[in-house]
Amino acid sequence: MPKNALDNPLVLPILGLLAEQPRHPYAVFAELRRRYAYLHVRNATVYTLLDTLKTARLIELTAAGDDAGHQPLRITADGAAALSERVEHEVRTGDLTGGPAFMTALAYLSIMPPARAAEALEARATAVAAEASHLQQTLKAADAVEVHMIEAHYLLARLQQDTRWLTAAARRVKAGDLSWPSR
């Protein structure tokens, strides 16, 4: 359980959704559930986090409301900066096995300028390759029957694949082959 509400793992995708477009609170909740089933989103948690994000001035109500007078929320400049910082941190140094925080951050990679995103992907590829190398050395030193360390062999294969994917994605960003939204 996070000590600070802003450390909640749902903050990154909430900010990301509001960076995409302004949304009503219920629309934020519904889209979180649709896109991120693995995060186990609860209604009360989302509404509490939205209030916390408003208090922290990372999001705000828009000036225009709908026919019922409800105002959608949008991300502020401070919120976009916080989102960019969180995304870069998770991409560069998050769980090297690709946990939920990394996956969610990857979804919002385009919050960063392309050059910075490519650098973050390359940094992660380097870290994942180093982890794979360390694991490979561990397996060699263990000199155990493969089935006794099958989980380590599985992880090694995943890390090697992740290194290839991250390197290729960084290359595509640098070459302009991965389309980037205009901001």
Foldseek 3Di string as FASTA:
>chain_A
DDPDLCPPLVLLLLLLVLAVDFAALVVSQVVCCVPPVVSVGDSVSSVVSVVVCVVVQQKDWDPDDDPVRGTTIHGDPVVLVVSQVQLLCCLQPNDLLCDPSPVSSVVRLLSDQLLSSLVSLLNSLVVLVVVLVVLVVVVVVVPDDCVVVVVSVVSSVSSVVSSVVSNVVSVCSVVCVDPHDDD
